[in-house]
Amino acid sequence: MRGHARNQGLKLKQADSAALEALTHRGRESVRVLMRARALQLLAEGWTVVGAAEAVGVTQTTVRNVRRRYLKEGLGGALHERPRPGAARLLTERQASE
């Protein structure tokens, strides 16, 4: 099967693996988070970066970044983006939700 050529050496913690499984079946997350979660699952199954990227529909750079952030920051860091610098928000969270 394509993408199984060689293992990239990603070993998920058992709790992280269970959390990813629950996350991908709940369907209440953003598409970005779900795609990152699926990429991590494929890497843990032994897929290559190229194969995982093609299967998920993201770039190889995205898969590499997700893998690097998982190894460095854990599951939360791999799935969710840090706030980006930029202009201050014009509306508070409450105002935006109204």
PDB file of N, CA and C in Angstrom:
ATOM      1  N   MET A   1       0.842  -1.176   0.000  1.00  0.00           N
ATOM      2  CA  MET A   1       0.000   0.000   0.000  1.00  0.00           C
ATOM      3  C   MET A   1       0.885   1.236   0.000  1.00  0.00           C
ATOM      4  N   ARG A   2       0.506   2.234  -0.736  1.00  0.00           N
ATOM      5  CA  ARG A   2       1.283   3.447  -0.859  1.00  0.00           C
ATOM      6  C   ARG A   2       1.411   4.141   0.486  1.00  0.00           C
ATOM      7  N   GLY A   3       2.595   4.649   0.770  1.00  0.00           N
ATOM      8  CA  GLY A   3       2.811   5.364   2.009  1.00  0.00           C
ATOM      9  C   GLY A   3       3.363   4.500   3.118  1.00  0.00           C
ATOM     10  N   HIS A   4       3.503   3.210   2.869  1.00  0.00           N
ATOM     11  CA  HIS A   4       4.018   2.313   3.899  1.00  0.00           C
ATOM     12  C   HIS A   4       5.469   1.923   3.626  1.00  0.00           C
ATOM     13  N   ALA A   5       6.165   2.666   2.805  1.00  0.00           N
ATOM     14  CA  ALA A   5       7.515   2.282   2.395  1.00  0.00           C
ATOM     15  C   ALA A   5       8.481   2.174   3.564  1.00  0.00           C
ATOM     16  N   ARG A   6       8.505   3.173   4.449  1.00  0.00           N
ATOM     17  CA  ARG A   6       9.396   3.091   5.596  1.00  0.00           C
ATOM     18  C   ARG A   6       8.826   3.885   6.753  1.00  0.00           C
ATOM     19  N   ASN A   7       9.133   3.449   7.925  1.00  0.00           N
ATOM     20  CA  ASN A   7       8.634   4.073   9.144  1.00  0.00           C
ATOM     21  C   ASN A   7       9.411   5.341   9.437  1.00  0.00           C
ATOM     22  N   GLN A   8       8.732   6.396   9.802  1.00  0.00           N
ATOM     23  CA  GLN A   8       9.378   7.659  10.116  1.00  0.00           C
ATOM     24  C   GLN A   8       9.758   7.760  11.589  1.00  0.00           C
ATOM     25  N   GLY A   9       9.522   6.726  12.364  1.00  0.00           N
ATOM     26  CA  GLY A   9       9.955   6.701  13.739  1.00  0.00           C
ATOM     27  C   GLY A   9       9.080   7.454  14.710  1.00  0.00           C
ATOM     28  N   LEU A  10       7.840   7.727  14.375  1.00  0.00           N
ATOM     29  CA  LEU A  10       6.949   8.428  15.292  1.00  0.00           C
ATOM     30  C   LEU A  10       6.221   7.402  16.146  1.00  0.00           C
ATOM     31  N   LYS A  11       6.369   7.522  17.430  1.00  0.00           N
ATOM     32  CA  LYS A  11       5.707   6.631  18.380  1.00  0.00           C
ATOM     33  C   LYS A  11       4.779   7.477  19.232  1.00  0.00           C
ATOM     34  N   LEU A  12       3.466   7.255  19.071  1.00  0.00           N
ATOM     35  CA  LEU A  12       2.483   7.993  19.858  1.00  0.00           C
ATOM     36  C   LEU A  12       2.347   7.382  21.238  1.00  0.00           C
ATOM     37  N   LYS A  13       2.148   8.239  22.219  1.00  0.00           N
ATOM     38  CA  LYS A  13       1.824   7.744  23.555  1.00  0.00           C
ATOM     39  C   LYS A  13       0.444   7.113  23.477  1.00  0.00           C
ATOM     40  N   GLN A  14       0.195   6.119  24.320  1.00  0.00           N
ATOM     41  CA  GLN A  14      -1.080   5.405  24.276  1.00  0.00           C
ATOM     42  C   GLN A  14      -2.248   6.361  24.514  1.00  0.00           C
ATOM     43  N   ALA A  15      -2.097   7.287  25.468  1.00  0.00           N
ATOM     44  CA  ALA A  15      -3.165   8.249  25.744  1.00  0.00           C
ATOM     45  C   ALA A  15      -3.392   9.171  24.550  1.00  0.00           C
ATOM     46  N   ASP A  16      -2.300   9.575  23.880  1.00  0.00           N
ATOM     47  CA  ASP A  16      -2.427  10.441  22.705  1.00  0.00           C
ATOM     48  C   ASP A  16      -3.115   9.701  21.566  1.00  0.00           C
ATOM     49  N   SER A  17      -2.790   8.441  21.397  1.00  0.00           N
ATOM     50  CA  SER A  17      -3.415   7.640  20.355  1.00  0.00           C
ATOM     51  C   SER A  17      -4.924   7.532  20.593  1.00  0.00           C
ATOM     52  N   ALA A  18      -5.311   7.302  21.839  1.00  0.00           N
ATOM     53  CA  ALA A  18      -6.738   7.226  22.174  1.00  0.00           C
ATOM     54  C   ALA A  18      -7.418   8.575  21.973  1.00  0.00           C
ATOM     55  N   ALA A  19      -6.736   9.655  22.328  1.00  0.00           N
ATOM     56  CA  ALA A  19      -7.302  10.992  22.153  1.00  0.00           C
ATOM     57  C   ALA A  19      -7.501  11.311  20.672  1.00  0.00           C
ATOM     58  N   LEU A  20      -6.544  10.921  19.839  1.00  0.00           N
ATOM     59  CA  LEU A  20      -6.677  11.147  18.392  1.00  0.00           C
ATOM     60  C   LEU A  20      -7.831  10.347  17.815  1.00  0.00           C
ATOM     61  N   GLU A  21      -7.971   9.118  18.260  1.00  0.00           N
ATOM     62  CA  GLU A  21      -9.071   8.268  17.790  1.00  0.00           C
ATOM     63  C   GLU A  21     -10.411   8.898  18.133  1.00  0.00           C
ATOM     64  N   ALA A  22     -10.557   9.371  19.355  1.00  0.00           N
ATOM     65  CA  ALA A  22     -11.804  10.011  19.783  1.00  0.00           C
ATOM     66  C   ALA A  22     -12.040  11.304  19.012  1.00  0.00           C
ATOM     67  N   LEU A  23     -10.982  12.074  18.807  1.00  0.00           N
ATOM     68  CA  LEU A  23     -11.085  13.354  18.122  1.00  0.00           C
ATOM     69  C   LEU A  23     -11.561  13.176  16.688  1.00  0.00           C
ATOM     70  N   THR A  24     -10.998  12.196  15.992  1.00  0.00           N
ATOM     71  CA  THR A  24     -11.355  12.011  14.582  1.00  0.00           C
ATOM     72  C   THR A  24     -12.741  11.423  14.397  1.00  0.00           C
ATOM     73  N   HIS A  25     -13.293  10.798  15.424  1.00  0.00           N
ATOM     74  CA  HIS A  25     -14.632  10.234  15.310  1.00  0.00           C
ATOM     75  C   HIS A  25     -15.721  11.167  15.825  1.00  0.00           C
ATOM     76  N   ARG A  26     -15.347  12.153  16.619  1.00  0.00           N
ATOM     77  CA  ARG A  26     -16.334  13.097  17.150  1.00  0.00           C
ATOM     78  C   ARG A  26     -16.806  14.077  16.088  1.00  0.00           C
ATOM     79  N   GLY A  27     -15.861  14.595  15.309  1.00  0.00           N
ATOM     80  CA  GLY A  27     -16.215  15.513  14.238  1.00  0.00           C
ATOM     81  C   GLY A  27     -16.598  16.904  14.690  1.00  0.00           C
ATOM     82  N   ARG A  28     -16.123  17.336  15.842  1.00  0.00           N
ATOM     83  CA  ARG A  28     -16.468  18.669  16.338  1.00  0.00           C
ATOM     84  C   ARG A  28     -15.271  19.606  16.355  1.00  0.00           C
ATOM     85  N   GLU A  29     -14.291  19.313  15.591  1.00  0.00           N
ATOM     86  CA  GLU A  29     -13.089  20.133  15.516  1.00  0.00           C
ATOM     87  C   GLU A  29     -12.992  20.747  14.133  1.00  0.00           C
ATOM     88  N   SER A  30     -12.104  21.725  14.003  1.00  0.00           N
ATOM     89  CA  SER A  30     -11.887  22.338  12.703  1.00  0.00           C
ATOM     90  C   SER A  30     -11.232  21.321  11.763  1.00  0.00           C
ATOM     91  N   VAL A  31     -11.377  21.554  10.504  1.00  0.00           N
ATOM     92  CA  VAL A  31     -10.812  20.652   9.504  1.00  0.00           C
ATOM     93  C   VAL A  31      -9.295  20.602   9.650  1.00  0.00           C
ATOM     94  N   ARG A  32      -8.663  21.733   9.949  1.00  0.00           N
ATOM     95  CA  ARG A  32      -7.204  21.759  10.124  1.00  0.00           C
ATOM     96  C   ARG A  32      -6.772  20.810  11.233  1.00  0.00           C
ATOM     97  N   VAL A  33      -7.465  20.861  12.354  1.00  0.00           N
ATOM     98  CA  VAL A  33      -7.118  20.006  13.491  1.00  0.00           C
ATOM     99  C   VAL A  33      -7.320  18.544  13.120  1.00  0.00           C
ATOM    100  N   LEU A  34      -8.409  18.228  12.451  1.00  0.00           N
ATOM    101  CA  LEU A  34      -8.677  16.849  12.057  1.00  0.00           C
ATOM    102  C   LEU A  34      -7.634  16.329  11.066  1.00  0.00           C
ATOM    103  N   MET A  35      -7.185  17.180  10.144  1.00  0.00           N
ATOM    104  CA  MET A  35      -6.177  16.765   9.176  1.00  0.00           C
ATOM    105  C   MET A  35      -4.837  16.522   9.867  1.00  0.00           C
ATOM    106  N   ARG A  36      -4.492  17.370  10.816  1.00  0.00           N
ATOM    107  CA  ARG A  36      -3.254  17.168  11.575  1.00  0.00           C
ATOM    108  C   ARG A  36      -3.329  15.884  12.383  1.00  0.00           C
ATOM    109  N   ALA A  37      -4.488  15.626  12.993  1.00  0.00           N
ATOM    110  CA  ALA A  37      -4.675  14.409  13.777  1.00  0.00           C
ATOM    111  C   ALA A  37      -4.519  13.181  12.892  1.00  0.00           C
ATOM    112  N   ARG A  38      -5.113  13.206  11.719  1.00  0.00           N
ATOM    113  CA  ARG A  38      -5.024  12.054  10.809  1.00  0.00           C
ATOM    114  C   ARG A  38      -3.589  11.861  10.336  1.00  0.00           C
ATOM    115  N   ALA A  39      -2.869  12.947  10.070  1.00  0.00           N
ATOM    116  CA  ALA A  39      -1.473  12.843   9.654  1.00  0.00           C
ATOM    117  C   ALA A  39      -0.640  12.173  10.749  1.00  0.00           C
ATOM    118  N   LEU A  40      -0.868  12.541  12.004  1.00  0.00           N
ATOM    119  CA  LEU A  40      -0.156  11.910  13.114  1.00  0.00           C
ATOM    120  C   LEU A  40      -0.476  10.421  13.196  1.00  0.00           C
ATOM    121  N   GLN A  41      -1.738  10.072  13.014  1.00  0.00           N
ATOM    122  CA  GLN A  41      -2.129   8.663  13.055  1.00  0.00           C
ATOM    123  C   GLN A  41      -1.408   7.867  11.961  1.00  0.00           C
ATOM    124  N   LEU A  42      -1.366   8.419  10.756  1.00  0.00           N
ATOM    125  CA  LEU A  42      -0.719   7.714   9.651  1.00  0.00           C
ATOM    126  C   LEU A  42       0.780   7.560   9.899  1.00  0.00           C
ATOM    127  N   LEU A  43       1.422   8.607  10.404  1.00  0.00           N
ATOM    128  CA  LEU A  43       2.847   8.507  10.707  1.00  0.00           C
ATOM    129  C   LEU A  43       3.104   7.435  11.763  1.00  0.00           C
ATOM    130  N   ALA A  44       2.223   7.352  12.747  1.00  0.00           N
ATOM    131  CA  ALA A  44       2.368   6.343  13.798  1.00  0.00           C
ATOM    132  C   ALA A  44       2.160   4.930  13.252  1.00  0.00           C
ATOM    133  N   GLU A  45       1.397   4.810  12.179  1.00  0.00           N
ATOM    134  CA  GLU A  45       1.176   3.507  11.540  1.00  0.00           C
ATOM    135  C   GLU A  45       2.331   3.122  10.624  1.00  0.00           C
ATOM    136  N   GLY A  46       3.301   4.020  10.475  1.00  0.00           N
ATOM    137  CA  GLY A  46       4.470   3.709   9.657  1.00  0.00           C
ATOM    138  C   GLY A  46       4.472   4.328   8.279  1.00  0.00           C
ATOM    139  N   TRP A  47       3.530   5.177   7.978  1.00  0.00           N
ATOM    140  CA  TRP A  47       3.481   5.825   6.672  1.00  0.00           C
ATOM    141  C   TRP A  47       4.637   6.814   6.563  1.00  0.00           C
ATOM    142  N   THR A  48       5.066   7.063   5.345  1.00  0.00           N
ATOM    143  CA  THR A  48       6.083   8.079   5.098  1.00  0.00           C
ATOM    144  C   THR A  48       5.429   9.453   5.129  1.00  0.00           C
ATOM    145  N   VAL A  49       6.266  10.476   5.207  1.00  0.00           N
ATOM    146  CA  VAL A  49       5.757  11.853   5.165  1.00  0.00           C
ATOM    147  C   VAL A  49       5.035  12.091   3.845  1.00  0.00           C
ATOM    148  N   VAL A  50       5.618  11.627   2.755  1.00  0.00           N
ATOM    149  CA  VAL A  50       5.014  11.818   1.430  1.00  0.00           C
ATOM    150  C   VAL A  50       3.662  11.123   1.353  1.00  0.00           C
ATOM    151  N   GLY A  51       3.601   9.874   1.791  1.00  0.00           N
ATOM    152  CA  GLY A  51       2.348   9.118   1.741  1.00  0.00           C
ATOM    153  C   GLY A  51       1.276   9.708   2.622  1.00  0.00           C
ATOM    154  N   ALA A  52       1.657  10.121   3.832  1.00  0.00           N
ATOM    155  CA  ALA A  52       0.693  10.726   4.754  1.00  0.00           C
ATOM    156  C   ALA A  52       0.169  12.037   4.197  1.00  0.00           C
ATOM    157  N   ALA A  53       1.055  12.835   3.622  1.00  0.00           N
ATOM    158  CA  ALA A  53       0.640  14.122   3.047  1.00  0.00           C
ATOM    159  C   ALA A  53      -0.355  13.916   1.911  1.00  0.00           C
ATOM    160  N   GLU A  54      -0.083  12.961   1.044  1.00  0.00           N
ATOM    161  CA  GLU A  54      -0.991  12.686  -0.075  1.00  0.00           C
ATOM    162  C   GLU A  54      -2.328  12.154   0.426  1.00  0.00           C
ATOM    163  N   ALA A  55      -2.291  11.272   1.405  1.00  0.00           N
ATOM    164  CA  ALA A  55      -3.526  10.670   1.915  1.00  0.00           C
ATOM    165  C   ALA A  55      -4.412  11.690   2.614  1.00  0.00           C
ATOM    166  N   VAL A  56      -3.801  12.608   3.331  1.00  0.00           N
ATOM    167  CA  VAL A  56      -4.565  13.592   4.098  1.00  0.00           C
ATOM    168  C   VAL A  56      -4.946  14.798   3.242  1.00  0.00           C
ATOM    169  N   GLY A  57      -4.140  15.083   2.228  1.00  0.00           N
ATOM    170  CA  GLY A  57      -4.422  16.226   1.367  1.00  0.00           C
ATOM    171  C   GLY A  57      -3.768  17.502   1.848  1.00  0.00           C
ATOM    172  N   VAL A  58      -2.584  17.362   2.452  1.00  0.00           N
ATOM    173  CA  VAL A  58      -1.818  18.525   2.900  1.00  0.00           C
ATOM    174  C   VAL A  58      -0.425  18.419   2.296  1.00  0.00           C
ATOM    175  N   THR A  59       0.387  19.443   2.521  1.00  0.00           N
ATOM    176  CA  THR A  59       1.739  19.416   1.985  1.00  0.00           C
ATOM    177  C   THR A  59       2.650  18.584   2.883  1.00  0.00           C
ATOM    178  N   GLN A  60       3.767  18.169   2.327  1.00  0.00           N
ATOM    179  CA  GLN A  60       4.762  17.432   3.098  1.00  0.00           C
ATOM    180  C   GLN A  60       5.304  18.295   4.233  1.00  0.00           C
ATOM    181  N   THR A  61       5.437  19.585   3.999  1.00  0.00           N
ATOM    182  CA  THR A  61       5.915  20.505   5.029  1.00  0.00           C
ATOM    183  C   THR A  61       4.964  20.516   6.217  1.00  0.00           C
ATOM    184  N   THR A  62       3.673  20.489   5.953  1.00  0.00           N
ATOM    185  CA  THR A  62       2.685  20.456   7.034  1.00  0.00           C
ATOM    186  C   THR A  62       2.859  19.203   7.876  1.00  0.00           C
ATOM    187  N   VAL A  63       3.023  18.062   7.235  1.00  0.00           N
ATOM    188  CA  VAL A  63       3.184  16.804   7.967  1.00  0.00           C
ATOM    189  C   VAL A  63       4.467  16.834   8.792  1.00  0.00           C
ATOM    190  N   ARG A  64       5.544  17.336   8.197  1.00  0.00           N
ATOM    191  CA  ARG A  64       6.809  17.429   8.943  1.00  0.00           C
ATOM    192  C   ARG A  64       6.667  18.365  10.145  1.00  0.00           C
ATOM    193  N   ASN A  65       5.998  19.491   9.958  1.00  0.00           N
ATOM    194  CA  ASN A  65       5.807  20.441  11.056  1.00  0.00           C
ATOM    195  C   ASN A  65       4.962  19.841  12.169  1.00  0.00           C
ATOM    196  N   VAL A  66       3.921  19.120  11.809  1.00  0.00           N
ATOM    197  CA  VAL A  66       3.058  18.485  12.813  1.00  0.00           C
ATOM    198  C   VAL A  66       3.858  17.439  13.593  1.00  0.00           C
ATOM    199  N   ARG A  67       4.649  16.651  12.888  1.00  0.00           N
ATOM    200  CA  ARG A  67       5.479  15.636  13.557  1.00  0.00           C
ATOM    201  C   ARG A  67       6.485  16.295  14.498  1.00  0.00           C
ATOM    202  N   ARG A  68       7.142  17.355  14.025  1.00  0.00           N
ATOM    203  CA  ARG A  68       8.134  18.061  14.841  1.00  0.00           C
ATOM    204  C   ARG A  68       7.491  18.667  16.075  1.00  0.00           C
ATOM    205  N   ARG A  69       6.321  19.290  15.905  1.00  0.00           N
ATOM    206  CA  ARG A  69       5.639  19.898  17.055  1.00  0.00           C
ATOM    207  C   ARG A  69       5.156  18.837  18.033  1.00  0.00           C
ATOM    208  N   TYR A  70       4.732  17.675  17.534  1.00  0.00           N
ATOM    209  CA  TYR A  70       4.318  16.601  18.443  1.00  0.00           C
ATOM    210  C   TYR A  70       5.502  16.153  19.300  1.00  0.00           C
ATOM    211  N   LEU A  71       6.641  15.950  18.674  1.00  0.00           N
ATOM    212  CA  LEU A  71       7.814  15.487  19.408  1.00  0.00           C
ATOM    213  C   LEU A  71       8.310  16.530  20.404  1.00  0.00           C
ATOM    214  N   LYS A  72       8.162  17.799  20.063  1.00  0.00           N
ATOM    215  CA  LYS A  72       8.680  18.875  20.912  1.00  0.00           C
ATOM    216  C   LYS A  72       7.667  19.346  21.962  1.00  0.00           C
ATOM    217  N   GLU A  73       6.397  19.482  21.566  1.00  0.00           N
ATOM    218  CA  GLU A  73       5.396  20.124  22.422  1.00  0.00           C
ATOM    219  C   GLU A  73       4.266  19.202  22.866  1.00  0.00           C
ATOM    220  N   GLY A  74       4.193  18.006  22.302  1.00  0.00           N
ATOM    221  CA  GLY A  74       3.110  17.105  22.653  1.00  0.00           C
ATOM    222  C   GLY A  74       1.911  17.242  21.729  1.00  0.00           C
ATOM    223  N   LEU A  75       0.827  16.557  22.081  1.00  0.00           N
ATOM    224  CA  LEU A  75      -0.349  16.491  21.217  1.00  0.00           C
ATOM    225  C   LEU A  75      -1.007  17.853  21.004  1.00  0.00           C
ATOM    226  N   GLY A  76      -1.181  18.607  22.072  1.00  0.00           N
ATOM    227  CA  GLY A  76      -1.824  19.916  21.944  1.00  0.00           C
ATOM    228  C   GLY A  76      -1.063  20.852  21.032  1.00  0.00           C
ATOM    229  N   GLY A  77       0.241  20.859  21.144  1.00  0.00           N
ATOM    230  CA  GLY A  77       1.069  21.714  20.296  1.00  0.00           C
ATOM    231  C   GLY A  77       1.038  21.294  18.840  1.00  0.00           C
ATOM    232  N   ALA A  78       0.889  20.001  18.602  1.00  0.00           N
ATOM    233  CA  ALA A  78       0.857  19.507  17.227  1.00  0.00           C
ATOM    234  C   ALA A  78      -0.466  19.810  16.537  1.00  0.00           C
ATOM    235  N   LEU A  79      -1.554  19.774  17.294  1.00  0.00           N
ATOM    236  CA  LEU A  79      -2.875  19.937  16.684  1.00  0.00           C
ATOM    237  C   LEU A  79      -3.327  21.387  16.581  1.00  0.00           C
ATOM    238  N   HIS A  80      -2.945  22.206  17.536  1.00  0.00           N
ATOM    239  CA  HIS A  80      -3.455  23.576  17.594  1.00  0.00           C
ATOM    240  C   HIS A  80      -2.353  24.592  17.360  1.00  0.00           C
ATOM    241  N   GLU A  81      -2.701  25.642  16.616  1.00  0.00           N
ATOM    242  CA  GLU A  81      -1.746  26.696  16.308  1.00  0.00           C
ATOM    243  C   GLU A  81      -1.575  27.631  17.497  1.00  0.00           C
ATOM    244  N   ARG A  82      -0.373  28.177  17.608  1.00  0.00           N
ATOM    245  CA  ARG A  82      -0.135  29.227  18.590  1.00  0.00           C
ATOM    246  C   ARG A  82      -0.686  30.532  18.021  1.00  0.00           C
ATOM    247  N   PRO A  83      -1.065  31.475  18.890  1.00  0.00           N
ATOM    248  CA  PRO A  83      -1.535  32.757  18.385  1.00  0.00           C
ATOM    249  C   PRO A  83      -0.454  33.435  17.540  1.00  0.00           C
ATOM    250  N   ARG A  84      -0.875  34.056  16.481  1.00  0.00           N
ATOM    251  CA  ARG A  84       0.064  34.734  15.595  1.00  0.00           C
ATOM    252  C   ARG A  84       0.134  36.217  15.941  1.00  0.00           C
ATOM    253  N   PRO A  85       1.299  36.817  15.763  1.00  0.00           N
ATOM    254  CA  PRO A  85       1.394  38.257  16.019  1.00  0.00           C
ATOM    255  C   PRO A  85       0.621  39.015  14.944  1.00  0.00           C
ATOM    256  N   GLY A  86       0.179  40.175  15.281  1.00  0.00           N
ATOM    257  CA  GLY A  86      -0.552  40.978  14.312  1.00  0.00           C
ATOM    258  C   GLY A  86      -1.303  42.086  15.008  1.00  0.00           C
ATOM    259  N   ALA A  87      -2.193  42.700  14.289  1.00  0.00           N
ATOM    260  CA  ALA A  87      -2.975  43.803  14.834  1.00  0.00           C
ATOM    261  C   ALA A  87      -3.879  43.295  15.953  1.00  0.00           C
ATOM    262  N   ALA A  88      -4.143  44.165  16.906  1.00  0.00           N
ATOM    263  CA  ALA A  88      -5.030  43.815  18.007  1.00  0.00           C
ATOM    264  C   ALA A  88      -6.437  43.581  17.461  1.00  0.00           C
ATOM    265  N   ARG A  89      -7.180  42.699  18.112  1.00  0.00           N
ATOM    266  CA  ARG A  89      -8.548  42.415  17.692  1.00  0.00           C
ATOM    267  C   ARG A  89      -9.417  43.639  17.890  1.00  0.00           C
ATOM    268  N   LEU A  90     -10.324  43.873  16.966  1.00  0.00           N
ATOM    269  CA  LEU A  90     -11.236  44.999  17.062  1.00  0.00           C
ATOM    270  C   LEU A  90     -12.427  44.668  17.953  1.00  0.00           C
ATOM    271  N   LEU A  91     -12.809  43.399  17.998  1.00  0.00           N
ATOM    272  CA  LEU A  91     -13.941  42.960  18.809  1.00  0.00           C
ATOM    273  C   LEU A  91     -13.474  41.973  19.868  1.00  0.00           C
ATOM    274  N   THR A  92     -14.134  42.007  21.018  1.00  0.00           N
ATOM    275  CA  THR A  92     -13.852  40.992  22.027  1.00  0.00           C
ATOM    276  C   THR A  92     -14.510  39.691  21.585  1.00  0.00           C
ATOM    277  N   GLU A  93     -14.179  38.593  22.261  1.00  0.00           N
ATOM    278  CA  GLU A  93     -14.808  37.302  21.924  1.00  0.00           C
ATOM    279  C   GLU A  93     -16.322  37.387  22.064  1.00  0.00           C
ATOM    280  N   ARG A  94     -16.774  38.065  23.103  1.00  0.00           N
ATOM    281  CA  ARG A  94     -18.213  38.188  23.337  1.00  0.00           C
ATOM    282  C   ARG A  94     -18.886  38.990  22.221  1.00  0.00           C
ATOM    283  N   GLN A  95     -18.279  40.098  21.829  1.00  0.00           N
ATOM    284  CA  GLN A  95     -18.855  40.913  20.753  1.00  0.00           C
ATOM    285  C   GLN A  95     -18.900  40.140  19.432  1.00  0.00           C
ATOM    286  N   ALA A  96     -17.884  39.380  19.173  1.00  0.00           N
ATOM    287  CA  ALA A  96     -17.828  38.630  17.924  1.00  0.00           C
ATOM    288  C   ALA A  96     -18.878  37.536  17.872  1.00  0.00           C
ATOM    289  N   SER A  97     -19.245  36.994  19.030  1.00  0.00           N
ATOM    290  CA  SER A  97     -20.219  35.896  19.058  1.00  0.00           C
ATOM    291  C   SER A  97     -21.653  36.385  18.992  1.00  0.00           C
ATOM    292  N   GLU A  98     -21.878  37.659  19.186  1.00  0.00           N
ATOM    293  CA  GLU A  98     -23.256  38.187  19.168  1.00  0.00           C
ATOM    294  C   GLU A  98     -23.761  38.459  17.779  1.00  0.00           C
TER     295      GLU A  98
END
